[in-house]
Amino acid sequence: MLFNLGANVANQAGVSVWQRNGKLYAFDEYAKAHTLN
């Protein structure tokens, strides 16, 4: 419990991928996106 307080769910960027305007976006579930080359 003490290591999981506060709903600190990590972004794994592991669900979908989209290329748009020269950027590659990796999305997770309810987080920011990561961009890739």
Full PDB file with SEQRES, HELIX, SHEET, SSBOND, CRYST1, ORIGX, SCALE, CONECT and MASTER records, all heavy atoms in Angstrom:
SEQRES   1 A   37  MET LEU PHE ASN LEU GLY ALA ASN VAL ALA ASN GLN ALA          
SEQRES   2 A   37  GLY VAL SER VAL TRP GLN ARG ASN GLY LYS LEU TYR ALA          
SEQRES   3 A   37  PHE ASP GLU TYR ALA LYS ALA HIS THR LEU ASN                  
SHEET    1 AA1 3 SER A  16  ARG A  20  0                                        
SHEET    2 AA1 3 LYS A  23  PHE A  27 -1                                        
SHEET    3 AA1 3 HIS A  34  LEU A  36 -1                                        
CRYST1    1.000    1.000    1.000  90.00  90.00  90.00 P 1           1          
ORIGX1      1.000000  0.000000  0.000000        0.00000                         
ORIGX2      0.000000  1.000000  0.000000        0.00000                         
ORIGX3      0.000000  0.000000  1.000000        0.00000                         
SCALE1      1.000000  0.000000  0.000000        0.00000                         
SCALE2      0.000000  1.000000  0.000000        0.00000                         
SCALE3      0.000000  0.000000  1.000000        0.00000                         
ATOM      1  N   MET A   1       0.803  -1.223   0.000  1.00  0.00           N  
ATOM      2  CA  MET A   1       0.000   0.000   0.000  1.00  0.00           C  
ATOM      3  C   MET A   1       0.837   1.274   0.000  1.00  0.00           C  
ATOM      4  O   MET A   1       0.581   2.209  -0.762  1.00  0.00           O  
ATOM      5  CB  MET A   1      -0.921  -0.042   1.220  1.00  0.00           C  
ATOM      6  CG  MET A   1      -1.718   1.202   1.479  1.00  0.00           C  
ATOM      7  SD  MET A   1      -2.756   0.954   2.934  1.00  0.00           S  
ATOM      8  CE  MET A   1      -3.288   2.654   3.212  1.00  0.00           C  
ATOM      9  N   LEU A   2       1.866   1.343   0.827  1.00  0.00           N  
ATOM     10  CA  LEU A   2       2.640   2.571   0.957  1.00  0.00           C  
ATOM     11  C   LEU A   2       3.368   2.941  -0.329  1.00  0.00           C  
ATOM     12  O   LEU A   2       3.680   4.113  -0.557  1.00  0.00           O  
ATOM     13  CB  LEU A   2       3.644   2.443   2.108  1.00  0.00           C  
ATOM     14  CG  LEU A   2       3.036   2.351   3.514  1.00  0.00           C  
ATOM     15  CD1 LEU A   2       4.123   2.189   4.547  1.00  0.00           C  
ATOM     16  CD2 LEU A   2       2.180   3.583   3.807  1.00  0.00           C  
ATOM     17  N   PHE A   3       3.645   1.953  -1.172  1.00  0.00           N  
ATOM     18  CA  PHE A   3       4.340   2.211  -2.432  1.00  0.00           C  
ATOM     19  C   PHE A   3       3.379   2.561  -3.565  1.00  0.00           C  
ATOM     20  O   PHE A   3       3.803   2.793  -4.694  1.00  0.00           O  
ATOM     21  CB  PHE A   3       5.184   0.991  -2.826  1.00  0.00           C  
ATOM     22  CG  PHE A   3       6.397   0.784  -1.956  1.00  0.00           C  
ATOM     23  CD1 PHE A   3       6.286   0.119  -0.742  1.00  0.00           C  
ATOM     24  CD2 PHE A   3       7.632   1.279  -2.337  1.00  0.00           C  
ATOM     25  CE1 PHE A   3       7.393  -0.074   0.059  1.00  0.00           C  
ATOM     26  CE2 PHE A   3       8.739   1.093  -1.531  1.00  0.00           C  
ATOM     27  CZ  PHE A   3       8.627   0.414  -0.319  1.00  0.00           C  
ATOM     28  N   ASN A   4       2.075   2.572  -3.252  1.00  0.00           N  
ATOM     29  CA  ASN A   4       1.075   2.808  -4.286  1.00  0.00           C  
ATOM     30  C   ASN A   4       0.105   3.923  -3.940  1.00  0.00           C  
ATOM     31  O   ASN A   4      -0.936   4.064  -4.583  1.00  0.00           O  
ATOM     32  CB  ASN A   4       0.295   1.512  -4.551  1.00  0.00           C  
ATOM     33  CG  ASN A   4       1.140   0.453  -5.227  1.00  0.00           C  
ATOM     34  OD1 ASN A   4       1.298   0.441  -6.438  1.00  0.00           O  
ATOM     35  ND2 ASN A   4       1.699  -0.451  -4.430  1.00  0.00           N  
ATOM     36  N   LEU A   5       0.434   4.719  -2.930  1.00  0.00           N  
ATOM     37  CA  LEU A   5      -0.458   5.806  -2.526  1.00  0.00           C  
ATOM     38  C   LEU A   5      -0.568   6.864  -3.623  1.00  0.00           C  
ATOM     39  O   LEU A   5       0.392   7.137  -4.343  1.00  0.00           O  
ATOM     40  CB  LEU A   5       0.065   6.466  -1.248  1.00  0.00           C  
ATOM     41  CG  LEU A   5      -0.067   5.665   0.053  1.00  0.00           C  
ATOM     42  CD1 LEU A   5       0.678   6.374   1.170  1.00  0.00           C  
ATOM     43  CD2 LEU A   5      -1.536   5.482   0.429  1.00  0.00           C  
ATOM     44  N   GLY A   6      -1.770   7.444  -3.750  1.00  0.00           N  
ATOM     45  CA  GLY A   6      -1.932   8.622  -4.595  1.00  0.00           C  
ATOM     46  C   GLY A   6      -2.179   8.367  -6.057  1.00  0.00           C  
ATOM     47  O   GLY A   6      -2.124   9.290  -6.863  1.00  0.00           O  
ATOM     48  N   ALA A   7      -2.460   7.120  -6.431  1.00  0.00           N  
ATOM     49  CA  ALA A   7      -2.809   6.808  -7.828  1.00  0.00           C  
ATOM     50  C   ALA A   7      -1.739   7.270  -8.818  1.00  0.00           C  
ATOM     51  O   ALA A   7      -2.022   7.854  -9.854  1.00  0.00           O  
ATOM     52  CB  ALA A   7      -4.151   7.439  -8.196  1.00  0.00           C  
ATOM     53  N   ASN A   8      -0.477   6.999  -8.483  1.00  0.00           N  
ATOM     54  CA  ASN A   8       0.624   7.402  -9.362  1.00  0.00           C  
ATOM     55  C   ASN A   8       0.794   6.373 -10.477  1.00  0.00           C  
ATOM     56  O   ASN A   8       1.752   5.610 -10.523  1.00  0.00           O  
ATOM     57  CB  ASN A   8       1.909   7.532  -8.540  1.00  0.00           C  
ATOM     58  CG  ASN A   8       3.056   8.082  -9.371  1.00  0.00           C  
ATOM     59  OD1 ASN A   8       2.836   8.759 -10.368  1.00  0.00           O  
ATOM     60  ND2 ASN A   8       4.272   7.786  -8.960  1.00  0.00           N  
ATOM     61  N   VAL A   9      -0.188   6.349 -11.402  1.00  0.00           N  
ATOM     62  CA  VAL A   9      -0.176   5.388 -12.499  1.00  0.00           C  
ATOM     63  C   VAL A   9       0.745   5.910 -13.599  1.00  0.00           C  
ATOM     64  O   VAL A   9       0.568   7.014 -14.106  1.00  0.00           O  
ATOM     65  CB  VAL A   9      -1.602   5.162 -13.036  1.00  0.00           C  
ATOM     66  CG1 VAL A   9      -1.578   4.206 -14.221  1.00  0.00           C  
ATOM     67  CG2 VAL A   9      -2.499   4.608 -11.928  1.00  0.00           C  
ATOM     68  N   ALA A  10       1.711   5.096 -13.975  1.00  0.00           N  
ATOM     69  CA  ALA A  10       2.748   5.545 -14.895  1.00  0.00           C  
ATOM     70  C   ALA A  10       2.286   5.483 -16.350  1.00  0.00           C  
ATOM     71  O   ALA A  10       1.475   4.642 -16.742  1.00  0.00           O  
ATOM     72  CB  ALA A  10       4.003   4.690 -14.718  1.00  0.00           C  
ATOM     73  N   ASN A  11       2.826   6.378 -17.145  1.00  0.00           N  
ATOM     74  CA  ASN A  11       2.600   6.419 -18.586  1.00  0.00           C  
ATOM     75  C   ASN A  11       3.556   5.445 -19.264  1.00  0.00           C  
ATOM     76  O   ASN A  11       4.771   5.589 -19.167  1.00  0.00           O  
ATOM     77  CB  ASN A  11       2.831   7.847 -19.092  1.00  0.00           C  
ATOM     78  CG  ASN A  11       2.543   8.020 -20.576  1.00  0.00           C  
ATOM     79  OD1 ASN A  11       2.252   7.065 -21.286  1.00  0.00           O  
ATOM     80  ND2 ASN A  11       2.630   9.251 -21.047  1.00  0.00           N  
ATOM     81  N   GLN A  12       3.011   4.426 -19.945  1.00  0.00           N  
ATOM     82  CA  GLN A  12       3.843   3.450 -20.647  1.00  0.00           C  
ATOM     83  C   GLN A  12       3.851   3.652 -22.162  1.00  0.00           C  
ATOM     84  O   GLN A  12       4.611   2.984 -22.864  1.00  0.00           O  
ATOM     85  CB  GLN A  12       3.365   2.027 -20.332  1.00  0.00           C  
ATOM     86  CG  GLN A  12       3.442   1.691 -18.849  1.00  0.00           C  
ATOM     87  CD  GLN A  12       2.983   0.278 -18.564  1.00  0.00           C  
ATOM     88  OE1 GLN A  12       3.796  -0.603 -18.275  1.00  0.00           O  
ATOM     89  NE2 GLN A  12       1.688   0.035 -18.649  1.00  0.00           N  
ATOM     90  N   ALA A  13       2.988   4.541 -22.668  1.00  0.00           N  
ATOM     91  CA  ALA A  13       2.948   4.880 -24.105  1.00  0.00           C  
ATOM     92  C   ALA A  13       2.818   3.657 -24.982  1.00  0.00           C  
ATOM     93  O   ALA A  13       3.403   3.598 -26.062  1.00  0.00           O  
ATOM     94  CB  ALA A  13       4.196   5.690 -24.483  1.00  0.00           C  
ATOM     95  N   GLY A  14       2.015   2.682 -24.566  1.00  0.00           N  
ATOM     96  CA  GLY A  14       2.029   1.387 -25.225  1.00  0.00           C  
ATOM     97  C   GLY A  14       0.749   0.929 -25.871  1.00  0.00           C  
ATOM     98  O   GLY A  14       0.532  -0.281 -25.969  1.00  0.00           O  
ATOM     99  N   VAL A  15      -0.104   1.848 -26.346  1.00  0.00           N  
ATOM    100  CA  VAL A  15      -1.380   1.402 -26.919  1.00  0.00           C  
ATOM    101  C   VAL A  15      -1.482   1.677 -28.418  1.00  0.00           C  
ATOM    102  O   VAL A  15      -1.735   0.770 -29.198  1.00  0.00           O  
ATOM    103  CB  VAL A  15      -2.575   2.033 -26.174  1.00  0.00           C  
ATOM    104  CG1 VAL A  15      -3.894   1.526 -26.763  1.00  0.00           C  
ATOM    105  CG2 VAL A  15      -2.514   1.721 -24.683  1.00  0.00           C  
ATOM    106  N   SER A  16      -1.310   2.917 -28.849  1.00  0.00           N  
ATOM    107  CA  SER A  16      -1.483   3.220 -30.274  1.00  0.00           C  
ATOM    108  C   SER A  16      -0.341   4.086 -30.792  1.00  0.00           C  
ATOM    109  O   SER A  16       0.439   4.652 -30.013  1.00  0.00           O  
ATOM    110  CB  SER A  16      -2.826   3.923 -30.520  1.00  0.00           C  
ATOM    111  OG  SER A  16      -2.834   5.214 -29.950  1.00  0.00           O  
ATOM    112  N   VAL A  17      -0.258   4.190 -32.112  1.00  0.00           N  
ATOM    113  CA  VAL A  17       0.792   4.981 -32.754  1.00  0.00           C  
ATOM    114  C   VAL A  17       0.194   5.675 -33.969  1.00  0.00           C  
ATOM    115  O   VAL A  17      -0.595   5.088 -34.718  1.00  0.00           O  
ATOM    116  CB  VAL A  17       1.994   4.088 -33.152  1.00  0.00           C  
ATOM    117  CG1 VAL A  17       1.581   2.973 -34.092  1.00  0.00           C  
ATOM    118  CG2 VAL A  17       3.122   4.903 -33.743  1.00  0.00           C  
ATOM    119  N   TRP A  18       0.546   6.946 -34.133  1.00  0.00           N  
ATOM    120  CA  TRP A  18       0.029   7.766 -35.225  1.00  0.00           C  
ATOM    121  C   TRP A  18       1.157   8.637 -35.768  1.00  0.00           C  
ATOM    122  O   TRP A  18       1.886   9.253 -34.988  1.00  0.00           O  
ATOM    123  CB  TRP A  18      -1.081   8.702 -34.734  1.00  0.00           C  
ATOM    124  CG  TRP A  18      -2.273   8.022 -34.158  1.00  0.00           C  
ATOM    125  CD1 TRP A  18      -2.376   7.447 -32.916  1.00  0.00           C  
ATOM    126  CD2 TRP A  18      -3.541   7.847 -34.777  1.00  0.00           C  
ATOM    127  NE1 TRP A  18      -3.630   6.938 -32.734  1.00  0.00           N  
ATOM    128  CE2 TRP A  18      -4.369   7.164 -33.859  1.00  0.00           C  
ATOM    129  CE3 TRP A  18      -4.059   8.217 -36.017  1.00  0.00           C  
ATOM    130  CZ2 TRP A  18      -5.683   6.837 -34.148  1.00  0.00           C  
ATOM    131  CZ3 TRP A  18      -5.376   7.888 -36.308  1.00  0.00           C  
ATOM    132  CH2 TRP A  18      -6.172   7.199 -35.381  1.00  0.00           C  
ATOM    133  N   GLN A  19       1.295   8.704 -37.099  1.00  0.00           N  
ATOM    134  CA  GLN A  19       2.219   9.681 -37.686  1.00  0.00           C  
ATOM    135  C   GLN A  19       1.408  10.852 -38.214  1.00  0.00           C  
ATOM    136  O   GLN A  19       0.403  10.682 -38.910  1.00  0.00           O  
ATOM    137  CB  GLN A  19       3.055   9.092 -38.809  1.00  0.00           C  
ATOM    138  CG  GLN A  19       4.033  10.134 -39.375  1.00  0.00           C  
ATOM    139  CD  GLN A  19       5.116   9.548 -40.239  1.00  0.00           C  
ATOM    140  OE1 GLN A  19       5.752   8.578 -39.875  1.00  0.00           O  
ATOM    141  NE2 GLN A  19       5.337  10.142 -41.406  1.00  0.00           N  
ATOM    142  N   ARG A  20       1.867  12.048 -37.855  1.00  0.00           N  
ATOM    143  CA  ARG A  20       1.134  13.253 -38.255  1.00  0.00           C  
ATOM    144  C   ARG A  20       2.111  14.420 -38.324  1.00  0.00           C  
ATOM    145  O   ARG A  20       2.860  14.666 -37.373  1.00  0.00           O  
ATOM    146  CB  ARG A  20       0.025  13.524 -37.249  1.00  0.00           C  
ATOM    147  CG  ARG A  20      -0.882  14.691 -37.611  1.00  0.00           C  
ATOM    148  CD  ARG A  20      -2.078  14.740 -36.681  1.00  0.00           C  
ATOM    149  NE  ARG A  20      -2.781  16.014 -36.802  1.00  0.00           N  
ATOM    150  CZ  ARG A  20      -3.760  16.271 -37.659  1.00  0.00           C  
ATOM    151  NH1 ARG A  20      -4.167  15.325 -38.487  1.00  0.00           N  
ATOM    152  NH2 ARG A  20      -4.346  17.458 -37.682  1.00  0.00           N  
ATOM    153  N   ASN A  21       2.117  15.114 -39.462  1.00  0.00           N  
ATOM    154  CA  ASN A  21       2.940  16.306 -39.647  1.00  0.00           C  
ATOM    155  C   ASN A  21       4.398  16.059 -39.262  1.00  0.00           C  
ATOM    156  O   ASN A  21       5.031  16.872 -38.591  1.00  0.00           O  
ATOM    157  CB  ASN A  21       2.367  17.478 -38.849  1.00  0.00           C  
ATOM    158  CG  ASN A  21       1.035  17.959 -39.407  1.00  0.00           C  
ATOM    159  OD1 ASN A  21       0.792  17.870 -40.608  1.00  0.00           O  
ATOM    160  ND2 ASN A  21       0.173  18.457 -38.540  1.00  0.00           N  
ATOM    161  N   GLY A  22       4.923  14.926 -39.688  1.00  0.00           N  
ATOM    162  CA  GLY A  22       6.332  14.615 -39.488  1.00  0.00           C  
ATOM    163  C   GLY A  22       6.686  14.065 -38.128  1.00  0.00           C  
ATOM    164  O   GLY A  22       7.858  13.748 -37.884  1.00  0.00           O  
ATOM    165  N   LYS A  23       5.711  13.937 -37.234  1.00  0.00           N  
ATOM    166  CA  LYS A  23       5.964  13.389 -35.905  1.00  0.00           C  
ATOM    167  C   LYS A  23       5.257  12.049 -35.759  1.00  0.00           C  
ATOM    168  O   LYS A  23       4.185  11.829 -36.313  1.00  0.00           O  
ATOM    169  CB  LYS A  23       5.464  14.350 -34.817  1.00  0.00           C  
ATOM    170  CG  LYS A  23       6.219  15.660 -34.721  1.00  0.00           C  
ATOM    171  CD  LYS A  23       5.671  16.519 -33.587  1.00  0.00           C  
ATOM    172  CE  LYS A  23       6.437  17.824 -33.464  1.00  0.00           C  
ATOM    173  NZ  LYS A  23       5.890  18.690 -32.379  1.00  0.00           N  
ATOM    174  N   LEU A  24       5.871  11.172 -34.985  1.00  0.00           N  
ATOM    175  CA  LEU A  24       5.276   9.897 -34.638  1.00  0.00           C  
ATOM    176  C   LEU A  24       4.829   9.986 -33.188  1.00  0.00           C  
ATOM    177  O   LEU A  24       5.629  10.279 -32.299  1.00  0.00           O  
ATOM    178  CB  LEU A  24       6.294   8.771 -34.826  1.00  0.00           C  
ATOM    179  CG  LEU A  24       5.746   7.346 -34.848  1.00  0.00           C  
ATOM    180  CD1 LEU A  24       4.829   7.136 -36.048  1.00  0.00           C  
ATOM    181  CD2 LEU A  24       6.896   6.341 -34.877  1.00  0.00           C  
ATOM    182  N   TYR A  25       3.533   9.768 -32.952  1.00  0.00           N  
ATOM    183  CA  TYR A  25       2.965   9.876 -31.609  1.00  0.00           C  
ATOM    184  C   TYR A  25       2.661   8.484 -31.061  1.00  0.00           C  
ATOM    185  O   TYR A  25       2.059   7.652 -31.753  1.00  0.00           O  
ATOM    186  CB  TYR A  25       1.658  10.670 -31.637  1.00  0.00           C  
ATOM    187  CG  TYR A  25       1.798  12.137 -31.936  1.00  0.00           C  
ATOM    188  CD1 TYR A  25       1.816  12.592 -33.259  1.00  0.00           C  
ATOM    189  CD2 TYR A  25       1.894  13.073 -30.922  1.00  0.00           C  
ATOM    190  CE1 TYR A  25       1.930  13.948 -33.547  1.00  0.00           C  
ATOM    191  CE2 TYR A  25       2.006  14.436 -31.206  1.00  0.00           C  
ATOM    192  CZ  TYR A  25       2.020  14.864 -32.514  1.00  0.00           C  
ATOM    193  OH  TYR A  25       2.123  16.211 -32.794  1.00  0.00           O  
ATOM    194  N   ALA A  26       3.047   8.246 -29.819  1.00  0.00           N  
ATOM    195  CA  ALA A  26       2.698   7.016 -29.109  1.00  0.00           C  
ATOM    196  C   ALA A  26       1.798   7.383 -27.940  1.00  0.00           C  
ATOM    197  O   ALA A  26       2.176   8.200 -27.089  1.00  0.00           O  
ATOM    198  CB  ALA A  26       3.948   6.303 -28.614  1.00  0.00           C  
ATOM    199  N   PHE A  27       0.606   6.787 -27.913  1.00  0.00           N  
ATOM    200  CA  PHE A  27      -0.373   7.075 -26.876  1.00  0.00           C  
ATOM    201  C   PHE A  27      -0.521   5.907 -25.915  1.00  0.00           C  
ATOM    202  O   PHE A  27      -0.440   4.743 -26.298  1.00  0.00           O  
ATOM    203  CB  PHE A  27      -1.749   7.353 -27.494  1.00  0.00           C  
ATOM    204  CG  PHE A  27      -1.864   8.690 -28.170  1.00  0.00           C  
ATOM    205  CD1 PHE A  27      -1.643   8.811 -29.535  1.00  0.00           C  
ATOM    206  CD2 PHE A  27      -2.209   9.822 -27.461  1.00  0.00           C  
ATOM    207  CE1 PHE A  27      -1.763  10.037 -30.179  1.00  0.00           C  
ATOM    208  CE2 PHE A  27      -2.324  11.058 -28.087  1.00  0.00           C  
ATOM    209  CZ  PHE A  27      -2.102  11.166 -29.451  1.00  0.00           C  
ATOM    210  N   ASP A  28      -0.777   6.262 -24.664  1.00  0.00           N  
ATOM    211  CA  ASP A  28      -1.150   5.298 -23.651  1.00  0.00           C  
ATOM    212  C   ASP A  28      -2.626   5.510 -23.331  1.00  0.00           C  
ATOM    213  O   ASP A  28      -3.359   6.133 -24.103  1.00  0.00           O  
ATOM    214  CB  ASP A  28      -0.280   5.472 -22.400  1.00  0.00           C  
ATOM    215  CG  ASP A  28      -0.240   4.227 -21.526  1.00  0.00           C  
ATOM    216  OD1 ASP A  28      -0.872   3.225 -21.871  1.00  0.00           O  
ATOM    217  OD2 ASP A  28       0.429   4.260 -20.481  1.00  0.00           O  
ATOM    218  N   GLU A  29      -3.071   5.056 -22.185  1.00  0.00           N  
ATOM    219  CA  GLU A  29      -4.442   5.238 -21.739  1.00  0.00           C  
ATOM    220  C   GLU A  29      -4.482   6.373 -20.720  1.00  0.00           C  
ATOM    221  O   GLU A  29      -3.985   6.236 -19.603  1.00  0.00           O  
ATOM    222  CB  GLU A  29      -4.937   3.944 -21.092  1.00  0.00           C  
ATOM    223  CG  GLU A  29      -6.421   3.862 -20.867  1.00  0.00           C  
ATOM    224  CD  GLU A  29      -7.188   3.572 -22.152  1.00  0.00           C  
ATOM    225  OE1 GLU A  29      -7.088   4.380 -23.098  1.00  0.00           O  
ATOM    226  OE2 GLU A  29      -7.879   2.545 -22.209  1.00  0.00           O  
ATOM    227  N   TYR A  30      -5.052   7.533 -21.118  1.00  0.00           N  
ATOM    228  CA  TYR A  30      -5.229   8.677 -20.228  1.00  0.00           C  
ATOM    229  C   TYR A  30      -3.895   9.237 -19.731  1.00  0.00           C  
ATOM    230  O   TYR A  30      -3.585   9.240 -18.538  1.00  0.00           O  
ATOM    231  CB  TYR A  30      -6.127   8.321 -19.038  1.00  0.00           C  
ATOM    232  CG  TYR A  30      -7.438   7.698 -19.438  1.00  0.00           C  
ATOM    233  CD1 TYR A  30      -8.127   6.863 -18.576  1.00  0.00           C  
ATOM    234  CD2 TYR A  30      -7.992   7.936 -20.680  1.00  0.00           C  
ATOM    235  CE1 TYR A  30      -9.336   6.286 -18.938  1.00  0.00           C  
ATOM    236  CE2 TYR A  30      -9.196   7.372 -21.057  1.00  0.00           C  
ATOM    237  CZ  TYR A  30      -9.866   6.549 -20.180  1.00  0.00           C  
ATOM    238  OH  TYR A  30     -11.063   5.987 -20.550  1.00  0.00           O  
ATOM    239  N   ALA A  31      -3.104   9.701 -20.652  1.00  0.00           N  
ATOM    240  CA  ALA A  31      -1.805  10.295 -20.337  1.00  0.00           C  
ATOM    241  C   ALA A  31      -1.453  11.240 -21.472  1.00  0.00           C  
ATOM    242  O   ALA A  31      -2.193  11.398 -22.440  1.00  0.00           O  
ATOM    243  CB  ALA A  31      -0.741   9.210 -20.193  1.00  0.00           C  
ATOM    244  N   LYS A  32      -0.318  11.905 -21.362  1.00  0.00           N  
ATOM    245  CA  LYS A  32       0.199  12.675 -22.484  1.00  0.00           C  
ATOM    246  C   LYS A  32       0.753  11.721 -23.540  1.00  0.00           C  
ATOM    247  O   LYS A  32       0.954  10.534 -23.295  1.00  0.00           O  
ATOM    248  CB  LYS A  32       1.293  13.635 -22.007  1.00  0.00           C  
ATOM    249  CG  LYS A  32       0.784  14.762 -21.118  1.00  0.00           C  
ATOM    250  CD  LYS A  32       1.913  15.721 -20.759  1.00  0.00           C  
ATOM    251  CE  LYS A  32       1.400  16.873 -19.920  1.00  0.00           C  
ATOM    252  NZ  LYS A  32       2.477  17.843 -19.582  1.00  0.00           N  
ATOM    253  N   ALA A  33       0.991  12.259 -24.723  1.00  0.00           N  
ATOM    254  CA  ALA A  33       1.583  11.461 -25.790  1.00  0.00           C  
ATOM    255  C   ALA A  33       3.107  11.577 -25.730  1.00  0.00           C  
ATOM    256  O   ALA A  33       3.651  12.540 -25.204  1.00  0.00           O  
ATOM    257  CB  ALA A  33       1.087  11.943 -27.145  1.00  0.00           C  
ATOM    258  N   HIS A  34       3.770  10.567 -26.276  1.00  0.00           N  
ATOM    259  CA  HIS A  34       5.210  10.645 -26.506  1.00  0.00           C  
ATOM    260  C   HIS A  34       5.442  10.794 -28.004  1.00  0.00           C  
ATOM    261  O   HIS A  34       4.768  10.142 -28.805  1.00  0.00           O  
ATOM    262  CB  HIS A  34       5.923   9.390 -26.004  1.00  0.00           C  
ATOM    263  CG  HIS A  34       6.128   9.365 -24.519  1.00  0.00           C  
ATOM    264  ND1 HIS A  34       5.106   9.129 -23.634  1.00  0.00           N  
ATOM    265  CD2 HIS A  34       7.242   9.561 -23.763  1.00  0.00           C  
ATOM    266  CE1 HIS A  34       5.578   9.164 -22.394  1.00  0.00           C  
ATOM    267  NE2 HIS A  34       6.870   9.430 -22.449  1.00  0.00           N  
ATOM    268  N   THR A  35       6.380  11.647 -28.382  1.00  0.00           N  
ATOM    269  CA  THR A  35       6.741  11.773 -29.782  1.00  0.00           C  
ATOM    270  C   THR A  35       8.051  11.038 -30.050  1.00  0.00           C  
ATOM    271  O   THR A  35       8.920  10.946 -29.177  1.00  0.00           O  
ATOM    272  CB  THR A  35       6.892  13.245 -30.204  1.00  0.00           C  
ATOM    273  OG1 THR A  35       7.862  13.887 -29.373  1.00  0.00           O  
ATOM    274  CG2 THR A  35       5.563  13.969 -30.093  1.00  0.00           C  
ATOM    275  N   LEU A  36       8.145  10.504 -31.262  1.00  0.00           N  
ATOM    276  CA  LEU A  36       9.321   9.760 -31.683  1.00  0.00           C  
ATOM    277  C   LEU A  36       9.749  10.229 -33.070  1.00  0.00           C  
ATOM    278  O   LEU A  36       8.949  10.794 -33.822  1.00  0.00           O  
ATOM    279  CB  LEU A  36       9.037   8.249 -31.724  1.00  0.00           C  
ATOM    280  CG  LEU A  36       8.644   7.563 -30.416  1.00  0.00           C  
ATOM    281  CD1 LEU A  36       7.135   7.549 -30.245  1.00  0.00           C  
ATOM    282  CD2 LEU A  36       9.169   6.133 -30.372  1.00  0.00           C  
ATOM    283  N   ASN A  37      10.994   9.970 -33.391  1.00  0.00           N  
ATOM    284  CA  ASN A  37      11.509  10.204 -34.732  1.00  0.00           C  
ATOM    285  C   ASN A  37      11.043   9.043 -35.618  1.00  0.00           C  
ATOM    286  O   ASN A  37      11.405   7.887 -35.360  1.00  0.00           O  
ATOM    287  CB  ASN A  37      13.033  10.267 -34.689  1.00  0.00           C  
ATOM    288  CG  ASN A  37      13.644  10.565 -36.038  1.00  0.00           C  
ATOM    289  OD1 ASN A  37      13.218  10.044 -37.059  1.00  0.00           O  
ATOM    290  ND2 ASN A  37      14.669  11.399 -36.051  1.00  0.00           N  
TER     291      ASN A  37                                                      
MASTER        0    0    0    0    3    0    0    6  290    1    0    3          
END                                                                             
